């Protein structure tokens, strides 16, 4: 693995640990419509990111 991949994994794990530590102070969203909109937005961003990575690797 490259150094960038290892650094990305370490940063990701660190962010997950920070989220777990500060979990109680993060406000909860209980409205079902808002949760659905956030999920749809996340899926769309993931699709756009994946397509851009595929196009980048193709060239």
Protein backbone atom coordinates (compact mmCIF):
# COMPACT_ATOMS: atom_id res chain seq x y z
CA UNK A 1 0.00 0.00 0.00
CA UNK A 2 1.13 3.51 -0.70
CA UNK A 3 1.80 6.05 2.03
CA UNK A 4 -1.28 8.06 1.00
CA UNK A 5 -3.56 5.04 1.41
CA UNK A 6 -2.18 4.25 4.85
CA UNK A 7 -2.49 7.90 5.90
CA UNK A 8 -6.09 7.99 4.64
CA UNK A 9 -6.98 4.88 6.62
CA UNK A 10 -5.38 6.27 9.79
CA UNK A 11 -7.19 9.62 9.38
CA UNK A 12 -10.50 7.81 8.78
CA UNK A 13 -10.11 5.70 11.91
CA UNK A 14 -9.16 8.81 13.89
CA UNK A 15 -12.29 10.61 12.70
CA UNK A 16 -14.46 7.65 13.69
CA UNK A 17 -12.91 7.65 17.17
CA UNK A 18 -13.52 11.41 17.51
CA UNK A 19 -17.15 10.97 16.42
CA UNK A 20 -17.58 8.25 19.04
CA UNK A 21 -16.06 10.44 21.75
CA UNK A 22 -18.24 13.46 20.90
CA UNK A 23 -21.35 11.40 20.09
CA UNK A 24 -23.42 12.82 22.97
CA UNK A 25 -22.79 16.46 22.02
CA UNK A 26 -23.87 15.98 18.36
CA UNK A 27 -27.56 16.90 17.96
CA UNK A 28 -29.80 14.09 16.75
CA UNK A 29 -32.04 14.45 13.72
CA UNK A 30 -35.29 12.61 14.44
CA UNK A 31 -37.39 13.83 11.50
CA UNK A 32 -37.76 10.87 9.07
CA UNK A 33 -37.93 13.15 6.00
CA UNK A 34 -34.63 14.78 6.91
CA UNK A 35 -33.00 11.37 7.39
CA UNK A 36 -34.21 10.26 3.95
CA UNK A 37 -32.92 13.47 2.34
CA UNK A 38 -29.52 13.05 3.99
CA UNK A 39 -29.34 9.42 2.84
CA UNK A 40 -30.26 10.37 -0.74
CA UNK A 41 -27.68 13.17 -0.72
CA UNK A 42 -24.99 10.81 0.57
CA UNK A 43 -25.80 8.19 -2.08
CA UNK A 44 -25.72 10.81 -4.85
CA UNK A 45 -22.37 12.15 -3.65
CA UNK A 46 -20.97 8.61 -3.47
CA UNK A 47 -22.13 7.89 -7.03
CA UNK A 48 -20.68 11.16 -8.36
CA UNK A 49 -17.39 10.49 -6.56
CA UNK A 50 -17.23 6.92 -7.87
CA UNK A 51 -17.92 7.98 -11.46
CA UNK A 52 -15.27 10.71 -11.28
CA UNK A 53 -12.72 8.21 -9.94
CA UNK A 54 -13.55 5.75 -12.73
CA UNK A 55 -13.15 8.46 -15.37
CA UNK A 56 -9.87 9.59 -13.82
CA UNK A 57 -8.46 6.04 -13.80
CA UNK A 58 -9.59 5.45 -17.39
CA UNK A 59 -7.47 8.32 -18.77
